[in-house]
Amino acid sequence: MSRKKGTRDKNDWRRFKTTKQRGEWVELLFMAAAALYGFRVLKPWGDSSEYDVAIDYHGRLIRIQVKGFSARKGNQGGYLCRLRHGMSGLERYRPTDLDFFALYILPAHAWYIIPSSTVLLPTPKFSLSVYPNGVPARCGQHSAEHDYEPYREAWSLLAKSRATLRTHRVRR
């Protein structure tokens, strides 16, 4: 079954030949969504910044690392989100590098807007798991420490100050 040229479906992300192309597309999706929420979006020139996108919110620069994921976490129903950078993919982000991670789960079309301090302090995490379709009962205990659902579509956090974000925890 073929589609008409110019139409879209929920699996458009599979069309990209490389992860680099897909990543650039996810950045565009983030910028469009942030603009719809009323944020002024800035894109650094080149690939040498520690973050992908910035937002100018009342004269304050908010640095955001945008990442797209589609890999399932085993048979647990969640998605594994790797928080690494560099050519080797082994480098951790530092809390001074950015203010937010914007994680996009491609198959679920879900954004997670997570303050970097939540996952980088006190010890930076290499990865985290999100469950946009809920945690299956077979997974057993799912601790509140690993529950990132409160950050799903949490666009309003982008308006908070860095000082507030360092101590802020979304109610779980």
N, C-alpha and C. Protein backbone atom coordinates (compact mmCIF):
# COMPACT_ATOMS: atom_id res chain seq x y z
N MET A 1 0.84 -1.17 0.00
CA MET A 1 0.00 0.00 0.00
C MET A 1 0.89 1.24 0.00
N SER A 2 0.73 2.08 -0.97
CA SER A 2 1.56 3.28 -1.04
C SER A 2 0.78 4.49 -0.56
N ARG A 3 1.55 5.48 -0.13
CA ARG A 3 0.94 6.72 0.34
C ARG A 3 1.09 7.80 -0.72
N LYS A 4 0.21 8.77 -0.64
CA LYS A 4 0.33 9.91 -1.54
C LYS A 4 1.57 10.70 -1.16
N LYS A 5 2.22 11.23 -2.17
CA LYS A 5 3.40 12.06 -1.93
C LYS A 5 3.00 13.26 -1.08
N GLY A 6 3.82 13.53 -0.07
CA GLY A 6 3.58 14.68 0.79
C GLY A 6 2.74 14.36 2.02
N THR A 7 2.22 13.14 2.13
CA THR A 7 1.46 12.80 3.32
C THR A 7 2.41 12.27 4.40
N ARG A 8 1.95 12.27 5.64
CA ARG A 8 2.78 11.86 6.76
C ARG A 8 2.14 10.69 7.49
N ASP A 9 2.97 9.95 8.19
CA ASP A 9 2.43 8.95 9.09
C ASP A 9 3.28 8.95 10.36
N LYS A 10 2.86 8.16 11.36
CA LYS A 10 3.53 8.20 12.65
C LYS A 10 4.94 7.61 12.63
N ASN A 11 5.33 6.96 11.57
CA ASN A 11 6.66 6.38 11.48
C ASN A 11 7.57 7.12 10.50
N ASP A 12 7.30 8.38 10.24
CA ASP A 12 8.14 9.16 9.33
C ASP A 12 9.61 9.12 9.71
N TRP A 13 9.90 9.03 10.99
CA TRP A 13 11.29 9.04 11.45
C TRP A 13 12.10 7.87 10.90
N ARG A 14 11.46 6.84 10.45
CA ARG A 14 12.19 5.69 9.90
C ARG A 14 12.73 5.96 8.49
N ARG A 15 12.32 7.04 7.88
CA ARG A 15 12.77 7.37 6.52
C ARG A 15 14.23 7.82 6.46
N PHE A 16 14.75 8.30 7.58
CA PHE A 16 16.10 8.87 7.57
C PHE A 16 17.15 7.78 7.45
N LYS A 17 18.13 8.03 6.61
CA LYS A 17 19.17 7.04 6.34
C LYS A 17 20.20 6.96 7.45
N THR A 18 20.43 8.07 8.17
CA THR A 18 21.43 8.09 9.24
C THR A 18 20.82 8.63 10.52
N THR A 19 21.46 8.27 11.63
CA THR A 19 21.00 8.80 12.92
C THR A 19 21.27 10.30 13.01
N LYS A 20 22.28 10.78 12.32
CA LYS A 20 22.57 12.22 12.29
C LYS A 20 21.40 12.97 11.65
N GLN A 21 20.90 12.49 10.51
CA GLN A 21 19.75 13.13 9.86
C GLN A 21 18.53 13.09 10.76
N ARG A 22 18.30 11.95 11.38
CA ARG A 22 17.14 11.82 12.27
C ARG A 22 17.27 12.77 13.45
N GLY A 23 18.49 12.89 13.99
CA GLY A 23 18.72 13.81 15.11
C GLY A 23 18.45 15.26 14.73
N GLU A 24 18.86 15.65 13.53
CA GLU A 24 18.59 17.02 13.07
C GLU A 24 17.09 17.25 12.92
N TRP A 25 16.37 16.24 12.45
CA TRP A 25 14.92 16.34 12.31
C TRP A 25 14.26 16.48 13.68
N VAL A 26 14.74 15.73 14.68
CA VAL A 26 14.18 15.81 16.03
C VAL A 26 14.43 17.21 16.61
N GLU A 27 15.60 17.78 16.33
CA GLU A 27 15.87 19.15 16.78
C GLU A 27 14.86 20.12 16.17
N LEU A 28 14.55 19.96 14.89
CA LEU A 28 13.55 20.81 14.25
C LEU A 28 12.18 20.65 14.90
N LEU A 29 11.82 19.40 15.22
CA LEU A 29 10.55 19.16 15.90
C LEU A 29 10.51 19.88 17.25
N PHE A 30 11.62 19.82 17.98
CA PHE A 30 11.68 20.50 19.27
C PHE A 30 11.52 22.01 19.09
N MET A 31 12.26 22.56 18.13
CA MET A 31 12.21 24.01 17.93
C MET A 31 10.79 24.46 17.55
N ALA A 32 10.12 23.69 16.71
CA ALA A 32 8.75 24.04 16.32
C ALA A 32 7.81 23.95 17.52
N ALA A 33 7.95 22.90 18.33
CA ALA A 33 7.08 22.75 19.50
C ALA A 33 7.34 23.87 20.50
N ALA A 34 8.61 24.19 20.77
CA ALA A 34 8.94 25.26 21.72
C ALA A 34 8.38 26.59 21.23
N ALA A 35 8.48 26.86 19.94
CA ALA A 35 7.93 28.10 19.39
C ALA A 35 6.42 28.16 19.57
N LEU A 36 5.74 27.03 19.41
CA LEU A 36 4.30 26.99 19.64
C LEU A 36 3.94 27.29 21.09
N TYR A 37 4.84 26.95 22.02
CA TYR A 37 4.61 27.27 23.44
C TYR A 37 5.02 28.70 23.78
N GLY A 38 5.46 29.46 22.78
CA GLY A 38 5.76 30.87 22.98
C GLY A 38 7.21 31.18 23.32
N PHE A 39 8.09 30.22 23.20
CA PHE A 39 9.50 30.45 23.49
C PHE A 39 10.23 30.94 22.24
N ARG A 40 11.20 31.83 22.42
CA ARG A 40 12.04 32.31 21.32
C ARG A 40 13.21 31.33 21.19
N VAL A 41 13.30 30.66 20.06
CA VAL A 41 14.25 29.58 19.86
C VAL A 41 15.49 30.08 19.12
N LEU A 42 16.66 29.64 19.59
CA LEU A 42 17.93 29.98 18.98
C LEU A 42 18.67 28.69 18.64
N LYS A 43 19.37 28.70 17.52
CA LYS A 43 20.14 27.52 17.11
C LYS A 43 21.60 27.93 16.97
N PRO A 44 22.50 27.34 17.79
CA PRO A 44 23.92 27.67 17.64
C PRO A 44 24.42 27.23 16.27
N TRP A 45 25.38 27.97 15.76
CA TRP A 45 25.97 27.62 14.47
C TRP A 45 26.94 26.46 14.67
N GLY A 46 26.85 25.44 13.83
CA GLY A 46 27.78 24.32 13.87
C GLY A 46 27.41 23.27 14.91
N ASP A 47 28.32 22.34 15.10
CA ASP A 47 28.11 21.22 16.01
C ASP A 47 29.04 21.25 17.21
N SER A 48 29.70 22.37 17.47
CA SER A 48 30.71 22.37 18.52
C SER A 48 30.20 22.80 19.89
N SER A 49 28.95 23.19 20.00
CA SER A 49 28.39 23.57 21.30
C SER A 49 28.05 22.33 22.11
N GLU A 50 28.00 22.47 23.42
CA GLU A 50 27.63 21.36 24.29
C GLU A 50 26.13 21.10 24.28
N TYR A 51 25.39 21.96 23.63
CA TYR A 51 23.93 21.83 23.56
C TYR A 51 23.49 22.04 22.12
N ASP A 52 22.26 21.60 21.83
CA ASP A 52 21.75 21.67 20.45
C ASP A 52 20.97 22.94 20.15
N VAL A 53 20.18 23.37 21.12
CA VAL A 53 19.24 24.47 20.92
C VAL A 53 19.26 25.33 22.18
N ALA A 54 18.97 26.60 22.00
CA ALA A 54 18.82 27.48 23.15
C ALA A 54 17.48 28.20 23.04
N ILE A 55 17.02 28.66 24.18
CA ILE A 55 15.80 29.45 24.23
C ILE A 55 16.15 30.75 24.93
N ASP A 56 15.70 31.85 24.37
CA ASP A 56 15.84 33.16 25.01
C ASP A 56 14.52 33.42 25.72
N TYR A 57 14.53 33.32 27.03
CA TYR A 57 13.31 33.54 27.80
C TYR A 57 13.52 34.75 28.70
N HIS A 58 12.94 35.88 28.32
CA HIS A 58 13.08 37.14 29.05
C HIS A 58 14.54 37.50 29.27
N GLY A 59 15.35 37.33 28.24
CA GLY A 59 16.76 37.69 28.31
C GLY A 59 17.65 36.64 28.94
N ARG A 60 17.09 35.53 29.33
CA ARG A 60 17.86 34.44 29.95
C ARG A 60 18.05 33.34 28.92
N LEU A 61 19.29 32.89 28.76
CA LEU A 61 19.60 31.84 27.80
C LEU A 61 19.44 30.47 28.47
N ILE A 62 18.61 29.61 27.88
CA ILE A 62 18.37 28.27 28.39
C ILE A 62 18.94 27.30 27.37
N ARG A 63 19.89 26.48 27.80
CA ARG A 63 20.61 25.56 26.90
C ARG A 63 19.97 24.17 26.96
N ILE A 64 19.68 23.61 25.78
CA ILE A 64 18.94 22.36 25.71
C ILE A 64 19.65 21.37 24.80
N GLN A 65 19.80 20.15 25.31
CA GLN A 65 20.31 19.04 24.52
C GLN A 65 19.10 18.23 24.06
N VAL A 66 18.90 18.12 22.77
CA VAL A 66 17.75 17.41 22.21
C VAL A 66 18.20 16.03 21.75
N LYS A 67 17.43 15.02 22.14
CA LYS A 67 17.77 13.65 21.75
C LYS A 67 16.50 12.90 21.38
N GLY A 68 16.60 12.07 20.35
CA GLY A 68 15.48 11.25 19.92
C GLY A 68 15.81 9.78 20.13
N PHE A 69 14.81 9.02 20.57
CA PHE A 69 15.03 7.60 20.88
C PHE A 69 13.90 6.74 20.33
N SER A 70 14.30 5.54 19.93
CA SER A 70 13.30 4.57 19.47
C SER A 70 13.60 3.17 20.00
N ALA A 71 14.74 2.98 20.67
CA ALA A 71 15.14 1.66 21.15
C ALA A 71 14.37 1.27 22.41
N ARG A 72 13.76 0.11 22.36
CA ARG A 72 13.01 -0.41 23.49
C ARG A 72 13.98 -0.92 24.55
N LYS A 73 13.53 -0.89 25.79
CA LYS A 73 14.32 -1.42 26.89
C LYS A 73 13.89 -2.86 27.14
N GLY A 74 14.53 -3.76 26.44
CA GLY A 74 14.20 -5.18 26.57
C GLY A 74 12.73 -5.43 26.30
N ASN A 75 12.12 -6.26 27.10
CA ASN A 75 10.69 -6.54 26.93
C ASN A 75 9.86 -5.84 28.00
N GLN A 76 10.41 -4.77 28.57
CA GLN A 76 9.73 -4.08 29.67
C GLN A 76 8.79 -2.97 29.22
N GLY A 77 8.72 -2.71 27.93
CA GLY A 77 7.78 -1.70 27.45
C GLY A 77 8.28 -0.28 27.48
N GLY A 78 9.48 -0.06 28.04
CA GLY A 78 10.01 1.29 28.12
C GLY A 78 11.00 1.57 27.00
N TYR A 79 11.57 2.75 27.04
CA TYR A 79 12.56 3.17 26.05
C TYR A 79 13.82 3.59 26.78
N LEU A 80 14.95 3.14 26.26
CA LEU A 80 16.24 3.47 26.84
C LEU A 80 16.75 4.76 26.23
N CYS A 81 17.07 5.73 27.08
CA CYS A 81 17.56 7.04 26.63
C CYS A 81 18.99 7.21 27.11
N ARG A 82 19.92 7.24 26.18
CA ARG A 82 21.33 7.38 26.52
C ARG A 82 21.71 8.86 26.62
N LEU A 83 22.33 9.21 27.71
CA LEU A 83 22.72 10.59 27.97
C LEU A 83 24.24 10.70 27.86
N ARG A 84 24.73 10.50 26.65
CA ARG A 84 26.16 10.53 26.38
C ARG A 84 26.43 11.41 25.17
N HIS A 85 27.66 11.84 25.06
CA HIS A 85 28.04 12.61 23.87
C HIS A 85 29.48 12.33 23.52
N GLY A 86 29.95 12.99 22.50
CA GLY A 86 31.31 12.77 22.03
C GLY A 86 31.33 11.70 20.95
N MET A 87 32.40 11.64 20.24
CA MET A 87 32.53 10.69 19.13
C MET A 87 32.43 9.24 19.62
N SER A 88 32.95 8.97 20.81
CA SER A 88 32.93 7.60 21.32
C SER A 88 31.58 7.25 21.94
N GLY A 89 30.79 8.27 22.28
CA GLY A 89 29.53 8.01 22.96
C GLY A 89 29.71 7.58 24.40
N LEU A 90 30.91 7.80 24.94
CA LEU A 90 31.20 7.40 26.31
C LEU A 90 31.29 8.58 27.27
N GLU A 91 31.25 9.78 26.75
CA GLU A 91 31.40 10.96 27.60
C GLU A 91 30.07 11.34 28.25
N ARG A 92 30.13 11.65 29.53
CA ARG A 92 28.94 12.12 30.24
C ARG A 92 28.81 13.63 30.04
N TYR A 93 27.59 14.09 30.08
CA TYR A 93 27.37 15.53 30.11
C TYR A 93 27.68 16.03 31.51
N ARG A 94 28.10 17.28 31.59
CA ARG A 94 28.35 17.91 32.88
C ARG A 94 27.21 18.88 33.18
N PRO A 95 26.89 19.09 34.45
CA PRO A 95 25.81 20.01 34.81
C PRO A 95 26.03 21.43 34.28
N THR A 96 27.29 21.81 34.04
CA THR A 96 27.59 23.15 33.54
C THR A 96 27.40 23.26 32.03
N ASP A 97 27.20 22.12 31.33
CA ASP A 97 27.08 22.11 29.87
C ASP A 97 25.72 22.57 29.38
N LEU A 98 24.67 22.27 30.13
CA LEU A 98 23.32 22.53 29.64
C LEU A 98 22.33 22.62 30.79
N ASP A 99 21.13 23.09 30.47
CA ASP A 99 20.09 23.27 31.48
C ASP A 99 19.00 22.21 31.40
N PHE A 100 18.75 21.66 30.20
CA PHE A 100 17.69 20.69 30.00
C PHE A 100 18.10 19.63 29.00
N PHE A 101 17.49 18.46 29.18
CA PHE A 101 17.44 17.45 28.14
C PHE A 101 16.02 17.47 27.62
N ALA A 102 15.87 17.50 26.31
CA ALA A 102 14.57 17.33 25.67
C ALA A 102 14.64 15.99 24.96
N LEU A 103 14.00 14.99 25.54
CA LEU A 103 14.07 13.62 25.02
C LEU A 103 12.78 13.33 24.28
N TYR A 104 12.90 12.93 23.03
CA TYR A 104 11.73 12.63 22.20
C TYR A 104 11.68 11.14 21.94
N ILE A 105 10.59 10.51 22.34
CA ILE A 105 10.39 9.09 22.10
C ILE A 105 9.62 8.99 20.79
N LEU A 106 10.31 8.62 19.75
CA LEU A 106 9.76 8.68 18.40
C LEU A 106 8.49 7.84 18.22
N PRO A 107 8.48 6.56 18.57
CA PRO A 107 7.26 5.77 18.32
C PRO A 107 6.04 6.27 19.10
N ALA A 108 6.28 6.87 20.28
CA ALA A 108 5.18 7.35 21.12
C ALA A 108 4.84 8.82 20.88
N HIS A 109 5.66 9.52 20.11
CA HIS A 109 5.48 10.96 19.87
C HIS A 109 5.36 11.71 21.20
N ALA A 110 6.29 11.42 22.11
CA ALA A 110 6.24 12.00 23.46
C ALA A 110 7.54 12.73 23.78
N TRP A 111 7.40 13.94 24.32
CA TRP A 111 8.55 14.72 24.77
C TRP A 111 8.69 14.59 26.27
N TYR A 112 9.92 14.48 26.73
CA TYR A 112 10.25 14.55 28.15
C TYR A 112 11.20 15.73 28.31
N ILE A 113 10.77 16.75 29.05
CA ILE A 113 11.56 17.96 29.26
C ILE A 113 12.13 17.84 30.68
N ILE A 114 13.39 17.45 30.78
CA ILE A 114 13.99 17.09 32.07
C ILE A 114 15.12 18.06 32.40
N PRO A 115 15.05 18.74 33.54
CA PRO A 115 16.17 19.60 33.95
C PRO A 115 17.45 18.77 34.05
N SER A 116 18.54 19.31 33.56
CA SER A 116 19.79 18.54 33.58
C SER A 116 20.20 18.20 35.01
N SER A 117 19.91 19.08 35.97
CA SER A 117 20.28 18.80 37.35
C SER A 117 19.60 17.55 37.89
N THR A 118 18.44 17.20 37.36
CA THR A 118 17.72 16.01 37.79
C THR A 118 18.48 14.74 37.48
N VAL A 119 19.17 14.71 36.35
CA VAL A 119 19.87 13.49 35.93
C VAL A 119 21.40 13.60 35.98
N LEU A 120 21.92 14.81 36.22
CA LEU A 120 23.38 14.97 36.25
C LEU A 120 23.93 15.21 37.65
N LEU A 121 23.06 15.48 38.62
CA LEU A 121 23.51 15.72 39.99
C LEU A 121 22.84 14.74 40.94
N PRO A 122 23.48 14.20 41.92
CA PRO A 122 24.89 14.46 42.26
C PRO A 122 25.86 13.70 41.35
N THR A 123 25.45 12.57 40.80
CA THR A 123 26.30 11.79 39.89
C THR A 123 25.63 11.71 38.53
N PRO A 124 26.33 12.11 37.46
CA PRO A 124 25.71 12.06 36.14
C PRO A 124 25.31 10.64 35.73
N LYS A 125 24.11 10.53 35.20
CA LYS A 125 23.64 9.24 34.70
C LYS A 125 24.09 9.09 33.24
N PHE A 126 24.39 7.87 32.86
CA PHE A 126 24.71 7.56 31.47
C PHE A 126 23.45 7.33 30.67
N SER A 127 22.39 6.88 31.33
CA SER A 127 21.14 6.61 30.63
C SER A 127 19.98 6.61 31.62
N LEU A 128 18.79 6.66 31.08
CA LEU A 128 17.58 6.54 31.88
C LEU A 128 16.52 5.87 31.03
N SER A 129 15.47 5.42 31.68
CA SER A 129 14.37 4.76 30.96
C SER A 129 13.08 5.52 31.18
N VAL A 130 12.30 5.62 30.13
CA VAL A 130 10.98 6.25 30.23
C VAL A 130 9.93 5.26 29.74
N TYR A 131 8.73 5.43 30.25
CA TYR A 131 7.65 4.49 29.96
C TYR A 131 6.40 5.27 29.54
N PRO A 132 6.36 5.81 28.32
CA PRO A 132 5.22 6.61 27.90
C PRO A 132 3.91 5.81 27.82
N ASN A 133 4.02 4.50 27.76
CA ASN A 133 2.81 3.66 27.71
C ASN A 133 2.52 3.01 29.06
N GLY A 134 3.19 3.48 30.12
CA GLY A 134 3.01 2.92 31.45
C GLY A 134 3.99 1.78 31.69
N VAL A 135 4.21 1.48 32.96
CA VAL A 135 5.12 0.40 33.34
C VAL A 135 4.30 -0.88 33.44
N PRO A 136 4.66 -1.89 32.67
CA PRO A 136 3.92 -3.16 32.75
C PRO A 136 4.06 -3.79 34.14
N ALA A 137 3.03 -4.45 34.58
CA ALA A 137 3.02 -5.10 35.89
C ALA A 137 4.16 -6.10 36.03
N ARG A 138 4.55 -6.75 34.95
CA ARG A 138 5.59 -7.76 35.01
C ARG A 138 6.96 -7.19 35.35
N CYS A 139 7.10 -5.87 35.32
CA CYS A 139 8.39 -5.25 35.61
C CYS A 139 8.65 -5.19 37.11
N GLY A 140 7.68 -5.49 37.93
CA GLY A 140 7.87 -5.45 39.38
C GLY A 140 7.91 -4.02 39.89
N GLN A 141 8.72 -3.81 40.89
CA GLN A 141 8.80 -2.49 41.52
C GLN A 141 9.41 -1.46 40.57
N HIS A 142 8.84 -0.29 40.55
CA HIS A 142 9.37 0.82 39.75
C HIS A 142 9.47 1.98 40.71
N SER A 143 10.69 2.32 41.13
CA SER A 143 10.86 3.33 42.17
C SER A 143 10.59 4.74 41.66
N ALA A 144 10.17 5.60 42.59
CA ALA A 144 9.89 6.99 42.24
C ALA A 144 11.14 7.69 41.73
N GLU A 145 12.31 7.25 42.19
CA GLU A 145 13.57 7.85 41.74
C GLU A 145 13.76 7.67 40.23
N HIS A 146 13.20 6.64 39.67
CA HIS A 146 13.34 6.36 38.25
C HIS A 146 12.08 6.66 37.46
N ASP A 147 11.19 7.43 38.03
CA ASP A 147 9.93 7.77 37.36
C ASP A 147 10.07 9.13 36.70
N TYR A 148 10.14 9.14 35.39
CA TYR A 148 10.30 10.40 34.66
C TYR A 148 9.00 10.85 34.00
N GLU A 149 7.91 10.16 34.28
CA GLU A 149 6.62 10.53 33.69
C GLU A 149 6.19 11.95 34.04
N PRO A 150 6.48 12.46 35.25
CA PRO A 150 6.10 13.85 35.54
C PRO A 150 6.75 14.87 34.61
N TYR A 151 7.82 14.48 33.91
CA TYR A 151 8.50 15.39 32.99
C TYR A 151 7.95 15.28 31.57
N ARG A 152 7.01 14.40 31.36
CA ARG A 152 6.43 14.25 30.02
C ARG A 152 5.63 15.51 29.69
N GLU A 153 6.02 16.13 28.56
CA GLU A 153 5.39 17.36 28.06
C GLU A 153 5.45 18.49 29.09
N ALA A 154 6.50 18.53 29.90
CA ALA A 154 6.64 19.54 30.96
C ALA A 154 7.28 20.82 30.42
N TRP A 155 6.68 21.38 29.40
CA TRP A 155 7.22 22.56 28.73
C TRP A 155 7.31 23.77 29.66
N SER A 156 6.46 23.85 30.65
CA SER A 156 6.46 25.00 31.56
C SER A 156 7.76 25.09 32.36
N LEU A 157 8.48 23.99 32.52
CA LEU A 157 9.75 24.03 33.25
C LEU A 157 10.78 24.91 32.55
N LEU A 158 10.65 25.07 31.23
CA LEU A 158 11.61 25.89 30.49
C LEU A 158 11.59 27.35 30.95
N ALA A 159 10.53 27.77 31.64
CA ALA A 159 10.41 29.15 32.10
C ALA A 159 11.00 29.35 33.50
N LYS A 160 11.46 28.31 34.15
CA LYS A 160 11.99 28.41 35.51
C LYS A 160 13.47 28.78 35.48
N SER A 161 13.91 29.43 36.55
CA SER A 161 15.31 29.86 36.64
C SER A 161 16.22 28.67 36.94
N ARG A 162 17.51 28.84 36.66
CA ARG A 162 18.48 27.78 36.94
C ARG A 162 18.52 27.47 38.43
N ALA A 163 18.47 28.51 39.25
CA ALA A 163 18.50 28.31 40.70
C ALA A 163 17.30 27.49 41.16
N THR A 164 16.14 27.78 40.62
CA THR A 164 14.93 27.02 40.97
C THR A 164 15.06 25.58 40.49
N LEU A 165 15.60 25.38 39.31
CA LEU A 165 15.71 24.03 38.76
C LEU A 165 16.69 23.15 39.54
N ARG A 166 17.72 23.77 40.16
CA ARG A 166 18.68 22.97 40.92
C ARG A 166 18.01 22.28 42.10
N THR A 167 17.01 22.92 42.67
CA THR A 167 16.32 22.35 43.84
C THR A 167 14.94 21.80 43.50
N HIS A 168 14.50 22.06 42.31
CA HIS A 168 13.15 21.67 41.91
C HIS A 168 13.06 20.19 41.59
N ARG A 169 12.05 19.56 42.07
CA ARG A 169 11.74 18.18 41.69
C ARG A 169 10.25 18.15 41.38
N VAL A 170 9.93 17.59 40.26
CA VAL A 170 8.53 17.46 39.89
C VAL A 170 7.90 16.49 40.88
N ARG A 171 6.69 16.83 41.33
CA ARG A 171 6.00 15.92 42.24
C ARG A 171 5.67 14.64 41.53
N ARG A 172 6.02 13.58 42.17
CA ARG A 172 5.83 12.26 41.58
C ARG A 172 4.62 11.61 42.18
